[in-house]
Amino acid sequence: MAVSLVLSACTKVPHSKEFTWTDCASTKSGADTKGLFGDNVTSRLILEYTSSGLAVTRTNATLNCIYDKVGLACEPTIEGNVLHYKVYIPSEEAANCVCLCERMSSTVSGLEEGKEYVLEYSSPDAKLGKISFKYKRGLRLSVDVDDYRVWD
């Protein structure tokens, strides 16, 4: 099955370039979410240094199916050494199903090379605890989302 990328500029974001995401890859009804998409599906958050900025990539997010219709938005902001990165569905609509978004990503500019940062990441399916990293050439940090998930 071919997966297409949808391009959109992040709204209200002075520090992000080309937020992209994949279309809904697999769907489960609202009543059929036990086990969701199988035990082999691990969600990862990947931070990587690029010459354009910090590449932030999330894999295998479980989102309400409405995103396939209305899209996604991201809102990264930098305050001192804290990078707040929020992904959200820009609609109050909801569907009675969830689906797998295999990949979403953007590049965050405005970070200083060699500086220590703390990432505070949230999306419709996960709020993560603080992830520390040093923005420098060679950075490639990949974490299991479940290891950092915060349950409110």
Protein backbone atom coordinates (compact mmCIF):
# COMPACT_ATOMS: atom_id res chain seq x y z
CA MET A 1 0.00 0.00 0.00
CA ALA A 2 1.53 3.30 -1.02
CA VAL A 3 1.70 5.90 1.71
CA SER A 4 1.53 9.49 0.61
CA LEU A 5 3.01 12.43 2.48
CA VAL A 6 0.90 15.47 3.10
CA LEU A 7 2.81 18.73 3.41
CA SER A 8 1.73 21.64 5.51
CA ALA A 9 3.47 24.55 7.15
CA CYS A 10 3.02 24.54 10.90
CA THR A 11 0.69 27.27 11.99
CA LYS A 12 1.83 29.92 14.50
CA VAL A 13 5.32 28.45 14.48
CA PRO A 14 8.33 30.65 13.99
CA HIS A 15 10.68 27.70 14.56
CA SER A 16 9.47 24.88 12.31
CA LYS A 17 9.77 23.92 8.68
CA GLU A 18 7.63 21.56 6.57
CA PHE A 19 5.59 19.53 9.03
CA THR A 20 4.73 16.29 7.23
CA TRP A 21 2.76 13.18 8.13
CA THR A 22 1.64 9.96 6.52
CA ASP A 23 -1.98 9.13 5.77
CA CYS A 24 -3.86 6.70 7.97
CA ALA A 25 -2.13 3.33 7.50
CA SER A 26 -4.44 1.02 9.43
CA THR A 27 -7.78 1.64 11.14
CA LYS A 28 -9.56 0.16 14.18
CA SER A 29 -13.10 0.98 15.22
CA GLY A 30 -13.68 2.79 18.48
CA ALA A 31 -14.97 -0.43 20.03
CA ASP A 32 -12.10 -2.54 18.70
CA THR A 33 -9.04 -0.87 20.19
CA LYS A 34 -7.82 -3.66 22.48
CA GLY A 35 -4.29 -4.47 21.37
CA LEU A 36 -4.59 -1.63 18.87
CA PHE A 37 -2.15 -2.35 16.06
CA GLY A 38 -0.28 -5.36 17.42
CA ASP A 39 2.61 -6.04 19.72
CA ASN A 40 5.19 -5.42 16.99
CA VAL A 41 4.30 -1.73 16.61
CA THR A 42 6.70 0.42 18.63
CA SER A 43 6.29 4.16 18.67
CA ARG A 44 9.58 6.07 18.57
CA LEU A 45 10.61 9.69 18.86
CA ILE A 46 13.79 10.52 16.96
CA LEU A 47 15.82 13.72 17.37
CA GLU A 48 18.53 14.31 14.79
CA TYR A 49 20.95 17.14 14.04
CA THR A 50 20.73 18.50 10.49
CA SER A 51 22.28 21.56 8.89
CA SER A 52 18.76 23.07 8.73
CA GLY A 53 17.90 22.46 12.39
CA LEU A 54 16.70 19.69 14.67
CA ALA A 55 14.75 16.99 12.81
CA VAL A 56 11.95 15.75 15.08
CA THR A 57 10.34 12.52 13.87
CA ARG A 58 7.61 10.46 15.51
CA THR A 59 6.77 6.99 14.27
CA ASN A 60 3.66 4.87 14.81
CA ALA A 61 1.33 7.29 16.57
CA THR A 62 -2.21 6.11 17.31
CA LEU A 63 -4.53 8.99 16.39
CA ASN A 64 -8.23 9.61 15.99
CA CYS A 65 -9.16 8.85 12.36
CA ILE A 66 -10.42 12.39 11.83
CA TYR A 67 -6.82 13.50 11.24
CA ASP A 68 -6.95 11.77 7.85
CA LYS A 69 -9.70 14.26 6.91
CA VAL A 70 -8.63 17.48 8.71
CA GLY A 71 -4.85 17.02 8.95
CA LEU A 72 -2.42 17.72 11.76
CA ALA A 73 -0.62 20.79 13.03
CA CYS A 74 2.49 21.31 15.09
CA GLU A 75 3.52 24.10 17.37
CA PRO A 76 7.16 24.04 18.50
CA THR A 77 8.37 26.91 20.65
CA ILE A 78 11.70 27.53 22.32
CA GLU A 79 11.92 29.17 25.74
CA GLY A 80 15.51 29.36 26.99
CA ASN A 81 16.72 25.78 26.86
CA VAL A 82 13.24 24.21 26.72
CA LEU A 83 11.83 23.10 23.37
CA HIS A 84 8.05 22.66 23.63
CA TYR A 85 6.83 20.53 20.71
CA LYS A 86 3.07 20.11 20.45
CA VAL A 87 1.29 18.11 17.73
CA TYR A 88 -2.50 18.38 17.56
CA ILE A 89 -5.54 17.77 15.39
CA PRO A 90 -6.83 21.23 14.35
CA SER A 91 -10.50 20.33 14.72
CA GLU A 92 -12.98 19.59 17.46
CA GLU A 93 -14.51 16.87 15.30
CA ALA A 94 -13.81 13.24 16.16
CA ALA A 95 -14.43 9.91 14.49
CA ASN A 96 -15.29 6.63 16.20
CA CYS A 97 -12.03 5.02 15.21
CA VAL A 98 -8.29 5.28 15.64
CA CYS A 99 -5.65 4.79 13.03
CA LEU A 100 -1.91 4.44 12.76
CA CYS A 101 0.11 7.42 11.58
CA GLU A 102 3.35 5.73 10.61
CA ARG A 103 5.44 8.91 10.51
CA MET A 104 5.22 12.64 11.24
CA SER A 105 8.14 15.04 11.23
CA SER A 106 9.43 18.57 10.95
CA THR A 107 12.66 20.48 11.32
CA VAL A 108 12.94 22.95 14.17
CA SER A 109 15.25 25.90 13.59
CA GLY A 110 16.56 28.42 16.09
CA LEU A 111 18.55 26.05 18.30
CA GLU A 112 22.13 26.92 19.21
CA GLU A 113 24.76 24.34 18.31
CA GLY A 114 26.50 22.92 21.39
CA LYS A 115 23.70 23.94 23.78
CA GLU A 116 21.87 21.55 26.13
CA TYR A 117 18.08 21.43 25.65
CA VAL A 118 15.10 19.75 27.24
CA LEU A 119 12.32 18.55 24.94
CA GLU A 120 8.73 18.62 26.19
CA TYR A 121 6.72 16.67 23.59
CA SER A 122 2.97 16.20 23.39
CA SER A 123 0.62 14.80 20.78
CA PRO A 124 -3.01 13.61 20.81
CA ASP A 125 -1.90 10.14 21.93
CA ALA A 126 1.09 10.87 24.15
CA LYS A 127 2.55 13.35 26.56
CA LEU A 128 6.19 12.61 27.24
CA GLY A 129 8.41 13.36 30.19
CA LYS A 130 11.40 15.64 29.68
CA ILE A 131 14.01 14.42 27.23
CA SER A 132 17.45 16.04 27.54
CA PHE A 133 19.77 16.36 24.55
CA LYS A 134 22.72 18.41 23.36
CA TYR A 135 22.14 19.96 19.95
CA LYS A 136 25.37 19.20 18.11
CA ARG A 137 26.68 17.62 14.95
CA GLY A 138 26.23 13.84 15.11
CA LEU A 139 23.16 13.94 17.39
CA ARG A 140 20.78 11.05 16.69
CA LEU A 141 18.66 10.18 19.69
CA SER A 142 15.93 7.58 19.27
CA VAL A 143 13.67 6.76 22.23
CA ASP A 144 10.75 4.41 22.78
CA VAL A 145 7.71 6.64 23.41
CA ASP A 146 6.40 4.23 26.08
CA ASP A 147 9.61 4.71 28.12
CA TYR A 148 8.88 8.47 28.42
CA ARG A 149 5.06 8.49 28.43
CA VAL A 150 3.47 10.50 31.26
CA TRP A 151 0.00 9.45 32.34
CA ASP A 152 -2.08 12.37 33.63
